[in-house]
Amino acid sequence: MRTNAKTRDLALAGLMIAAGVVLHSFPPLIGGMKPDFSLIMLILYALLRRDKKVTRAAGLATGVITAITTGFPGGQIPNVIDKTLTTLMLLGITALPESYVNALITSAVGTLFSGLVFLGSAYFIAGLPVPFATLFTSVVLPAAGINTVAVAVLYPVALKITSMLDRRTAAGEKA
């Protein structure tokens, strides 16, 4: 991969993380927990670029940023654990062939996995302000639905944009 393409991928990851942070800034819903909109951007990046190094870096950056901005009591370390493990899981799932259906499956499974890891690690590290089942059913399950709908809408658009960027980068490298 050429330097221009790698730089473009890093810039794209940074922009997507920034968009996720903006969406992540909405107030908490239940027990200090809210749907993790930054996860949508991480999932989209993993689906679109499939670059293991940049995706791992994006996952770690997302974990640190969501740790800084979390409203969940004691949620800093669980956010880093969650995003790190979720990124590794996403890299495994994105080995499946590229398709719209696989993108939706990746979003749903990725969000459920992320929620389980976050709640599990928060339970052991800081405790939960309300029962696990309450948080899972009132936050994680709806977040999986929200994230899947968001990916259903954003994935085709993002795929088109990245395809255009790839063509422009390839044309620039030939010149």
N, C-alpha and C. Protein backbone atom coordinates (compact mmCIF):
# COMPACT_ATOMS: atom_id res chain seq x y z
N MET A 1 0.86 -1.17 0.00
CA MET A 1 0.00 0.00 0.00
C MET A 1 0.90 1.23 0.00
N ARG A 2 0.58 2.19 -0.83
CA ARG A 2 1.37 3.41 -0.94
C ARG A 2 1.15 4.32 0.26
N THR A 3 2.09 5.25 0.44
CA THR A 3 2.02 6.19 1.56
C THR A 3 0.76 7.04 1.50
N ASN A 4 0.37 7.49 0.30
CA ASN A 4 -0.85 8.31 0.17
C ASN A 4 -2.08 7.56 0.66
N ALA A 5 -2.17 6.28 0.32
CA ALA A 5 -3.31 5.48 0.73
C ALA A 5 -3.31 5.27 2.24
N LYS A 6 -2.15 5.01 2.83
CA LYS A 6 -2.05 4.81 4.27
C LYS A 6 -2.39 6.11 5.00
N THR A 7 -1.91 7.22 4.51
CA THR A 7 -2.22 8.52 5.11
C THR A 7 -3.72 8.80 5.01
N ARG A 8 -4.28 8.47 3.86
CA ARG A 8 -5.72 8.66 3.68
C ARG A 8 -6.51 7.79 4.66
N ASP A 9 -6.08 6.56 4.85
CA ASP A 9 -6.77 5.66 5.78
C ASP A 9 -6.69 6.18 7.21
N LEU A 10 -5.52 6.68 7.61
CA LEU A 10 -5.38 7.25 8.95
C LEU A 10 -6.26 8.49 9.12
N ALA A 11 -6.29 9.33 8.09
CA ALA A 11 -7.14 10.53 8.15
C ALA A 11 -8.62 10.14 8.22
N LEU A 12 -9.01 9.16 7.44
CA LEU A 12 -10.40 8.69 7.46
C LEU A 12 -10.75 8.13 8.83
N ALA A 13 -9.86 7.34 9.41
CA ALA A 13 -10.11 6.80 10.76
C ALA A 13 -10.25 7.93 11.77
N GLY A 14 -9.39 8.93 11.67
CA GLY A 14 -9.46 10.08 12.58
C GLY A 14 -10.77 10.84 12.44
N LEU A 15 -11.20 11.06 11.21
CA LEU A 15 -12.48 11.76 10.99
C LEU A 15 -13.65 10.96 11.53
N MET A 16 -13.62 9.66 11.33
CA MET A 16 -14.72 8.82 11.81
C MET A 16 -14.73 8.77 13.34
N ILE A 17 -13.55 8.71 13.95
CA ILE A 17 -13.48 8.74 15.41
C ILE A 17 -14.03 10.07 15.92
N ALA A 18 -13.65 11.16 15.27
CA ALA A 18 -14.15 12.48 15.68
C ALA A 18 -15.68 12.56 15.57
N ALA A 19 -16.22 12.04 14.49
CA ALA A 19 -17.68 12.03 14.35
C ALA A 19 -18.31 11.19 15.46
N GLY A 20 -17.69 10.08 15.80
CA GLY A 20 -18.19 9.24 16.89
C GLY A 20 -18.16 9.96 18.23
N VAL A 21 -17.11 10.77 18.46
CA VAL A 21 -17.01 11.52 19.71
C VAL A 21 -18.13 12.54 19.81
N VAL A 22 -18.41 13.21 18.70
CA VAL A 22 -19.50 14.19 18.71
C VAL A 22 -20.82 13.49 19.03
N LEU A 23 -21.08 12.38 18.39
CA LEU A 23 -22.31 11.64 18.66
C LEU A 23 -22.31 11.07 20.08
N HIS A 24 -21.13 10.72 20.59
CA HIS A 24 -21.00 10.13 21.92
C HIS A 24 -21.27 11.15 23.03
N SER A 25 -21.26 12.43 22.68
CA SER A 25 -21.41 13.47 23.69
C SER A 25 -22.85 13.68 24.17
N PHE A 26 -23.80 12.96 23.60
CA PHE A 26 -25.18 13.07 24.07
C PHE A 26 -25.27 12.57 25.51
N PRO A 27 -26.24 13.08 26.27
CA PRO A 27 -26.31 12.71 27.69
C PRO A 27 -26.67 11.24 27.91
N PRO A 28 -26.24 10.69 29.08
CA PRO A 28 -26.54 9.29 29.40
C PRO A 28 -28.04 9.03 29.50
N LEU A 29 -28.44 7.79 29.26
CA LEU A 29 -29.84 7.42 29.31
C LEU A 29 -30.22 6.73 30.62
N ILE A 30 -29.63 5.58 30.89
CA ILE A 30 -30.04 4.79 32.06
C ILE A 30 -28.80 4.37 32.84
N GLY A 31 -28.78 4.69 34.12
CA GLY A 31 -27.67 4.28 34.98
C GLY A 31 -26.33 4.79 34.49
N GLY A 32 -26.31 5.96 33.86
CA GLY A 32 -25.07 6.52 33.35
C GLY A 32 -24.61 5.90 32.04
N MET A 33 -25.41 5.02 31.48
CA MET A 33 -25.03 4.34 30.24
C MET A 33 -25.89 4.84 29.08
N LYS A 34 -25.32 4.86 27.90
CA LYS A 34 -26.01 5.32 26.70
C LYS A 34 -25.55 4.50 25.51
N PRO A 35 -26.32 4.51 24.43
CA PRO A 35 -25.83 3.83 23.22
C PRO A 35 -24.48 4.43 22.81
N ASP A 36 -23.57 3.61 22.38
CA ASP A 36 -22.21 4.03 22.06
C ASP A 36 -22.10 4.36 20.58
N PHE A 37 -22.36 5.61 20.25
CA PHE A 37 -22.34 6.02 18.85
C PHE A 37 -20.94 5.97 18.25
N SER A 38 -19.92 6.11 19.08
CA SER A 38 -18.56 6.00 18.56
C SER A 38 -18.30 4.59 18.03
N LEU A 39 -19.01 3.62 18.57
CA LEU A 39 -18.87 2.24 18.11
C LEU A 39 -19.36 2.10 16.66
N ILE A 40 -20.39 2.85 16.30
CA ILE A 40 -20.88 2.82 14.91
C ILE A 40 -19.73 3.18 13.97
N MET A 41 -19.01 4.23 14.30
CA MET A 41 -17.92 4.68 13.44
C MET A 41 -16.78 3.68 13.40
N LEU A 42 -16.48 3.06 14.52
CA LEU A 42 -15.44 2.04 14.56
C LEU A 42 -15.84 0.84 13.69
N ILE A 43 -17.09 0.42 13.82
CA ILE A 43 -17.58 -0.70 13.01
C ILE A 43 -17.53 -0.34 11.52
N LEU A 44 -18.00 0.86 11.17
CA LEU A 44 -17.95 1.28 9.77
C LEU A 44 -16.53 1.30 9.24
N TYR A 45 -15.61 1.83 10.04
CA TYR A 45 -14.22 1.87 9.58
C TYR A 45 -13.69 0.45 9.34
N ALA A 46 -13.95 -0.44 10.29
CA ALA A 46 -13.48 -1.83 10.15
C ALA A 46 -14.06 -2.48 8.90
N LEU A 47 -15.32 -2.18 8.60
CA LEU A 47 -15.97 -2.74 7.42
C LEU A 47 -15.42 -2.15 6.12
N LEU A 48 -15.14 -0.86 6.14
CA LEU A 48 -14.76 -0.18 4.91
C LEU A 48 -13.30 -0.37 4.53
N ARG A 49 -12.39 -0.33 5.49
CA ARG A 49 -10.97 -0.34 5.15
C ARG A 49 -10.32 -1.70 5.31
N ARG A 50 -10.72 -2.47 6.31
CA ARG A 50 -10.18 -3.81 6.54
C ARG A 50 -8.66 -3.82 6.63
N ASP A 51 -8.12 -2.74 7.16
CA ASP A 51 -6.68 -2.62 7.41
C ASP A 51 -6.46 -2.91 8.89
N LYS A 52 -5.79 -4.00 9.19
CA LYS A 52 -5.67 -4.46 10.58
C LYS A 52 -4.94 -3.46 11.47
N LYS A 53 -3.83 -2.91 11.00
CA LYS A 53 -3.05 -1.99 11.84
C LYS A 53 -3.83 -0.72 12.14
N VAL A 54 -4.40 -0.11 11.12
CA VAL A 54 -5.13 1.14 11.32
C VAL A 54 -6.40 0.88 12.13
N THR A 55 -7.06 -0.24 11.90
CA THR A 55 -8.27 -0.55 12.66
C THR A 55 -7.94 -0.76 14.13
N ARG A 56 -6.83 -1.45 14.42
CA ARG A 56 -6.43 -1.62 15.83
C ARG A 56 -6.14 -0.26 16.47
N ALA A 57 -5.45 0.60 15.75
CA ALA A 57 -5.15 1.94 16.27
C ALA A 57 -6.44 2.74 16.48
N ALA A 58 -7.38 2.62 15.53
CA ALA A 58 -8.66 3.31 15.66
C ALA A 58 -9.44 2.78 16.86
N GLY A 59 -9.38 1.48 17.09
CA GLY A 59 -10.06 0.89 18.25
C GLY A 59 -9.49 1.37 19.56
N LEU A 60 -8.18 1.42 19.64
CA LEU A 60 -7.53 1.91 20.87
C LEU A 60 -7.84 3.39 21.09
N ALA A 61 -7.76 4.18 20.02
CA ALA A 61 -8.08 5.61 20.13
C ALA A 61 -9.53 5.81 20.55
N THR A 62 -10.43 5.03 19.98
CA THR A 62 -11.84 5.13 20.36
C THR A 62 -12.03 4.76 21.82
N GLY A 63 -11.33 3.73 22.28
CA GLY A 63 -11.41 3.34 23.69
C GLY A 63 -10.95 4.44 24.63
N VAL A 64 -9.83 5.07 24.30
CA VAL A 64 -9.29 6.14 25.14
C VAL A 64 -10.24 7.34 25.14
N ILE A 65 -10.73 7.71 23.97
CA ILE A 65 -11.61 8.88 23.88
C ILE A 65 -12.93 8.62 24.59
N THR A 66 -13.51 7.44 24.41
CA THR A 66 -14.77 7.16 25.12
C THR A 66 -14.54 7.03 26.61
N ALA A 67 -13.34 6.60 27.02
CA ALA A 67 -13.02 6.56 28.45
C ALA A 67 -12.99 7.97 29.03
N ILE A 68 -12.45 8.90 28.28
CA ILE A 68 -12.37 10.29 28.73
C ILE A 68 -13.76 10.92 28.82
N THR A 69 -14.63 10.57 27.89
CA THR A 69 -15.94 11.22 27.80
C THR A 69 -17.08 10.42 28.43
N THR A 70 -16.78 9.29 29.07
CA THR A 70 -17.85 8.45 29.60
C THR A 70 -18.61 9.13 30.73
N GLY A 71 -19.89 8.84 30.80
CA GLY A 71 -20.72 9.29 31.90
C GLY A 71 -21.01 8.16 32.87
N PHE A 72 -20.48 6.99 32.59
CA PHE A 72 -20.72 5.81 33.40
C PHE A 72 -19.75 5.81 34.58
N PRO A 73 -20.26 5.68 35.80
CA PRO A 73 -19.37 5.69 36.96
C PRO A 73 -18.34 4.56 36.90
N GLY A 74 -17.05 4.91 36.91
CA GLY A 74 -15.99 3.92 36.84
C GLY A 74 -15.85 3.29 35.47
N GLY A 75 -16.35 3.93 34.43
CA GLY A 75 -16.36 3.35 33.09
C GLY A 75 -15.12 3.58 32.25
N GLN A 76 -14.10 4.22 32.81
CA GLN A 76 -12.91 4.53 32.01
C GLN A 76 -12.19 3.26 31.56
N ILE A 77 -11.79 2.43 32.49
CA ILE A 77 -11.05 1.21 32.14
C ILE A 77 -11.95 0.25 31.34
N PRO A 78 -13.21 0.06 31.74
CA PRO A 78 -14.07 -0.80 30.91
C PRO A 78 -14.21 -0.34 29.46
N ASN A 79 -14.19 0.97 29.21
CA ASN A 79 -14.26 1.47 27.83
C ASN A 79 -13.04 1.06 27.03
N VAL A 80 -11.86 1.16 27.63
CA VAL A 80 -10.63 0.78 26.90
C VAL A 80 -10.62 -0.73 26.65
N ILE A 81 -10.99 -1.51 27.66
CA ILE A 81 -11.06 -2.97 27.50
C ILE A 81 -12.07 -3.34 26.42
N ASP A 82 -13.25 -2.73 26.50
CA ASP A 82 -14.33 -3.00 25.56
C ASP A 82 -13.91 -2.72 24.12
N LYS A 83 -13.38 -1.54 23.86
CA LYS A 83 -13.05 -1.17 22.48
C LYS A 83 -11.88 -2.00 21.95
N THR A 84 -10.93 -2.34 22.83
CA THR A 84 -9.80 -3.16 22.39
C THR A 84 -10.26 -4.55 21.99
N LEU A 85 -11.04 -5.19 22.84
CA LEU A 85 -11.52 -6.55 22.53
C LEU A 85 -12.52 -6.54 21.37
N THR A 86 -13.37 -5.52 21.32
CA THR A 86 -14.35 -5.43 20.24
C THR A 86 -13.64 -5.25 18.90
N THR A 87 -12.57 -4.46 18.89
CA THR A 87 -11.81 -4.27 17.65
C THR A 87 -11.23 -5.60 17.16
N LEU A 88 -10.68 -6.38 18.08
CA LEU A 88 -10.13 -7.68 17.69
C LEU A 88 -11.24 -8.59 17.14
N MET A 89 -12.40 -8.55 17.79
CA MET A 89 -13.53 -9.36 17.31
C MET A 89 -13.98 -8.87 15.93
N LEU A 90 -14.03 -7.54 15.74
CA LEU A 90 -14.43 -6.99 14.43
C LEU A 90 -13.47 -7.43 13.33
N LEU A 91 -12.18 -7.46 13.66
CA LEU A 91 -11.21 -7.90 12.65
C LEU A 91 -11.47 -9.34 12.22
N GLY A 92 -11.92 -10.16 13.14
CA GLY A 92 -12.29 -11.54 12.80
C GLY A 92 -13.53 -11.60 11.94
N ILE A 93 -14.55 -10.84 12.31
CA ILE A 93 -15.81 -10.85 11.54
C ILE A 93 -15.61 -10.25 10.16
N THR A 94 -14.79 -9.20 10.05
CA THR A 94 -14.62 -8.57 8.74
C THR A 94 -13.81 -9.43 7.78
N ALA A 95 -13.38 -10.60 8.23
CA ALA A 95 -12.75 -11.55 7.32
C ALA A 95 -13.81 -12.19 6.41
N LEU A 96 -15.08 -12.07 6.81
CA LEU A 96 -16.17 -12.56 5.96
C LEU A 96 -16.22 -11.74 4.68
N PRO A 97 -16.80 -12.26 3.61
CA PRO A 97 -16.89 -11.49 2.37
C PRO A 97 -17.66 -10.19 2.58
N GLU A 98 -17.25 -9.16 1.85
CA GLU A 98 -17.93 -7.88 1.93
C GLU A 98 -19.33 -8.00 1.34
N SER A 99 -20.33 -7.60 2.13
CA SER A 99 -21.70 -7.53 1.64
C SER A 99 -22.52 -6.69 2.60
N TYR A 100 -23.61 -6.22 2.12
CA TYR A 100 -24.52 -5.40 2.93
C TYR A 100 -25.03 -6.21 4.12
N VAL A 101 -25.43 -7.44 3.88
CA VAL A 101 -25.95 -8.30 4.96
C VAL A 101 -24.87 -8.55 6.01
N ASN A 102 -23.64 -8.84 5.57
CA ASN A 102 -22.56 -9.05 6.53
C ASN A 102 -22.26 -7.78 7.32
N ALA A 103 -22.43 -6.61 6.72
CA ALA A 103 -22.24 -5.35 7.44
C ALA A 103 -23.28 -5.23 8.56
N LEU A 104 -24.51 -5.60 8.27
CA LEU A 104 -25.57 -5.53 9.29
C LEU A 104 -25.31 -6.54 10.40
N ILE A 105 -24.90 -7.74 10.03
CA ILE A 105 -24.59 -8.77 11.03
C ILE A 105 -23.41 -8.30 11.89
N THR A 106 -22.39 -7.75 11.27
CA THR A 106 -21.22 -7.26 11.99
C THR A 106 -21.62 -6.17 12.98
N SER A 107 -22.50 -5.28 12.57
CA SER A 107 -22.96 -4.20 13.45
C SER A 107 -23.70 -4.76 14.67
N ALA A 108 -24.64 -5.65 14.42
CA ALA A 108 -25.43 -6.21 15.53
C ALA A 108 -24.55 -7.03 16.48
N VAL A 109 -23.75 -7.93 15.93
CA VAL A 109 -22.89 -8.79 16.76
C VAL A 109 -21.83 -7.94 17.47
N GLY A 110 -21.24 -7.00 16.75
CA GLY A 110 -20.22 -6.13 17.34
C GLY A 110 -20.76 -5.31 18.49
N THR A 111 -21.97 -4.78 18.35
CA THR A 111 -22.56 -3.97 19.41
C THR A 111 -22.92 -4.83 20.62
N LEU A 112 -23.49 -6.00 20.37
CA LEU A 112 -23.82 -6.90 21.48
C LEU A 112 -22.55 -7.33 22.22
N PHE A 113 -21.52 -7.69 21.47
CA PHE A 113 -20.25 -8.08 22.08
C PHE A 113 -19.67 -6.93 22.89
N SER A 114 -19.66 -5.74 22.30
CA SER A 114 -19.13 -4.56 22.98
C SER A 114 -19.88 -4.29 24.28
N GLY A 115 -21.19 -4.35 24.23
CA GLY A 115 -22.00 -4.12 25.43
C GLY A 115 -21.73 -5.15 26.51
N LEU A 116 -21.63 -6.41 26.11
CA LEU A 116 -21.34 -7.47 27.09
C LEU A 116 -19.96 -7.30 27.73
N VAL A 117 -18.97 -6.97 26.91
CA VAL A 117 -17.62 -6.77 27.44
C VAL A 117 -17.59 -5.56 28.37
N PHE A 118 -18.23 -4.46 27.94
CA PHE A 118 -18.24 -3.26 28.78
C PHE A 118 -18.92 -3.54 30.12
N LEU A 119 -20.13 -4.09 30.07
CA LEU A 119 -20.86 -4.35 31.31
C LEU A 119 -20.13 -5.37 32.19
N GLY A 120 -19.59 -6.41 31.58
CA GLY A 120 -18.86 -7.42 32.35
C GLY A 120 -17.64 -6.84 33.03
N SER A 121 -16.84 -6.08 32.29
CA SER A 121 -15.65 -5.50 32.89
C SER A 121 -16.01 -4.43 33.92
N ALA A 122 -17.05 -3.65 33.65
CA ALA A 122 -17.50 -2.63 34.62
C ALA A 122 -17.99 -3.31 35.90
N TYR A 123 -18.68 -4.42 35.75
CA TYR A 123 -19.18 -5.17 36.90
C TYR A 123 -18.03 -5.58 37.83
N PHE A 124 -16.96 -6.11 37.24
CA PHE A 124 -15.84 -6.59 38.04
C PHE A 124 -14.92 -5.46 38.53
N ILE A 125 -14.81 -4.38 37.77
CA ILE A 125 -13.89 -3.30 38.13
C ILE A 125 -14.53 -2.27 39.06
N ALA A 126 -15.73 -1.81 38.72
CA ALA A 126 -16.32 -0.70 39.46
C ALA A 126 -17.71 -1.01 40.03
N GLY A 127 -18.30 -2.10 39.59
CA GLY A 127 -19.67 -2.39 39.99
C GLY A 127 -20.65 -1.68 39.06
N LEU A 128 -21.87 -2.15 39.05
CA LEU A 128 -22.89 -1.56 38.19
C LEU A 128 -23.90 -0.81 39.05
N PRO A 129 -24.36 0.37 38.60
CA PRO A 129 -25.31 1.16 39.39
C PRO A 129 -26.71 0.55 39.44
N VAL A 130 -27.02 -0.27 38.45
CA VAL A 130 -28.30 -0.99 38.39
C VAL A 130 -27.99 -2.41 37.93
N PRO A 131 -28.91 -3.35 38.05
CA PRO A 131 -28.61 -4.74 37.67
C PRO A 131 -28.16 -4.89 36.21
N PHE A 132 -27.28 -5.87 36.01
CA PHE A 132 -26.75 -6.19 34.68
C PHE A 132 -27.88 -6.35 33.67
N ALA A 133 -28.88 -7.15 34.02
CA ALA A 133 -29.99 -7.44 33.09
C ALA A 133 -30.72 -6.16 32.70
N THR A 134 -30.87 -5.24 33.64
CA THR A 134 -31.54 -3.97 33.34
C THR A 134 -30.75 -3.17 32.32
N LEU A 135 -29.45 -3.07 32.54
CA LEU A 135 -28.60 -2.33 31.60
C LEU A 135 -28.53 -3.02 30.24
N PHE A 136 -28.44 -4.34 30.25
CA PHE A 136 -28.36 -5.06 28.98
C PHE A 136 -29.64 -4.87 28.16
N THR A 137 -30.80 -5.05 28.80
CA THR A 137 -32.05 -4.96 28.05
C THR A 137 -32.45 -3.52 27.72
N SER A 138 -32.07 -2.57 28.57
CA SER A 138 -32.51 -1.19 28.34
C SER A 138 -31.50 -0.35 27.57
N VAL A 139 -30.24 -0.79 27.51
CA VAL A 139 -29.23 0.00 26.80
C VAL A 139 -28.57 -0.80 25.68
N VAL A 140 -28.04 -1.99 25.98
CA VAL A 140 -27.28 -2.74 24.98
C VAL A 140 -28.16 -3.23 23.84
N LEU A 141 -29.28 -3.83 24.15
CA LEU A 141 -30.17 -4.32 23.07
C LEU A 141 -30.68 -3.18 22.19
N PRO A 142 -31.19 -2.07 22.78
CA PRO A 142 -31.59 -0.96 21.91
C PRO A 142 -30.40 -0.38 21.12
N ALA A 143 -29.22 -0.33 21.75
CA ALA A 143 -28.04 0.18 21.05
C ALA A 143 -27.71 -0.71 19.85
N ALA A 144 -27.86 -2.02 20.00
CA ALA A 144 -27.61 -2.93 18.87
C ALA A 144 -28.59 -2.62 17.74
N GLY A 145 -29.83 -2.37 18.08
CA GLY A 145 -30.81 -2.00 17.06
C GLY A 145 -30.49 -0.66 16.41
N ILE A 146 -30.16 0.34 17.23
CA ILE A 146 -29.83 1.67 16.72
C ILE A 146 -28.59 1.59 15.83
N ASN A 147 -27.55 0.89 16.30
CA ASN A 147 -26.32 0.79 15.52
C ASN A 147 -26.54 0.05 14.20
N THR A 148 -27.37 -0.98 14.24
CA THR A 148 -27.63 -1.73 13.01
C THR A 148 -28.40 -0.88 12.00
N VAL A 149 -29.37 -0.13 12.47
CA VAL A 149 -30.11 0.79 11.57
C VAL A 149 -29.16 1.86 11.04
N ALA A 150 -28.31 2.40 11.91
CA ALA A 150 -27.36 3.43 11.47
C ALA A 150 -26.41 2.87 10.41
N VAL A 151 -25.91 1.66 10.62
CA VAL A 151 -25.02 1.04 9.64
C VAL A 151 -25.79 0.73 8.35
N ALA A 152 -27.05 0.33 8.48
CA ALA A 152 -27.87 0.06 7.29
C ALA A 152 -27.97 1.31 6.41
N VAL A 153 -28.05 2.46 7.05
CA VAL A 153 -28.17 3.73 6.31
C VAL A 153 -26.79 4.23 5.87
N LEU A 154 -25.82 4.20 6.77
CA LEU A 154 -24.53 4.82 6.51
C LEU A 154 -23.57 3.96 5.67
N TYR A 155 -23.66 2.65 5.78
CA TYR A 155 -22.71 1.78 5.07
C TYR A 155 -22.74 1.99 3.56
N PRO A 156 -23.89 1.99 2.90
CA PRO A 156 -23.87 2.20 1.44
C PRO A 156 -23.31 3.57 1.06
N VAL A 157 -23.61 4.59 1.85
CA VAL A 157 -23.11 5.95 1.58
C VAL A 157 -21.59 5.97 1.78
N ALA A 158 -21.13 5.43 2.90
CA ALA A 158 -19.70 5.42 3.20
C ALA A 158 -18.94 4.57 2.19
N LEU A 159 -19.53 3.48 1.75
CA LEU A 159 -18.90 2.62 0.74
C LEU A 159 -18.70 3.39 -0.56
N LYS A 160 -19.70 4.15 -0.94
CA LYS A 160 -19.62 4.95 -2.17
C LYS A 160 -18.53 6.03 -2.03
N ILE A 161 -18.50 6.70 -0.88
CA ILE A 161 -17.52 7.76 -0.67
C ILE A 161 -16.10 7.18 -0.68
N THR A 162 -15.89 6.08 0.03
CA THR A 162 -14.54 5.50 0.06
C THR A 162 -14.15 4.95 -1.31
N SER A 163 -15.10 4.46 -2.07
CA SER A 163 -14.82 4.01 -3.43
C SER A 163 -14.34 5.19 -4.29
N MET A 164 -15.01 6.33 -4.14
CA MET A 164 -14.59 7.53 -4.88
C MET A 164 -13.20 7.98 -4.43
N LEU A 165 -12.93 7.93 -3.13
CA LEU A 165 -11.61 8.31 -2.61
C LEU A 165 -10.54 7.37 -3.15
N ASP A 166 -10.85 6.08 -3.19
CA ASP A 166 -9.89 5.10 -3.71
C ASP A 166 -9.56 5.38 -5.17
N ARG A 167 -10.59 5.71 -5.97
CA ARG A 167 -10.35 6.02 -7.39
C ARG A 167 -9.50 7.27 -7.53
N ARG A 168 -9.78 8.29 -6.70
CA ARG A 168 -9.01 9.54 -6.78
C ARG A 168 -7.57 9.30 -6.35
N THR A 169 -7.37 8.51 -5.32
CA THR A 169 -6.02 8.22 -4.86
C THR A 169 -5.25 7.43 -5.91
N ALA A 170 -5.92 6.44 -6.51
CA ALA A 170 -5.27 5.64 -7.55
C ALA A 170 -4.92 6.52 -8.76
N ALA A 171 -5.81 7.43 -9.12
CA ALA A 171 -5.54 8.32 -10.25
C ALA A 171 -4.38 9.26 -9.92
N GLY A 172 -4.30 9.72 -8.67
CA GLY A 172 -3.22 10.61 -8.25
C GLY A 172 -1.88 9.90 -8.23
N GLU A 173 -1.88 8.62 -7.87
CA GLU A 173 -0.63 7.85 -7.82
C GLU A 173 -0.11 7.55 -9.23
N LYS A 174 -1.02 7.44 -10.21
CA LYS A 174 -0.61 7.17 -11.58
C LYS A 174 0.00 8.41 -12.23
N ALA A 175 -0.46 9.59 -11.77
CA ALA A 175 0.00 10.84 -12.40
C ALA A 175 1.43 11.17 -12.10
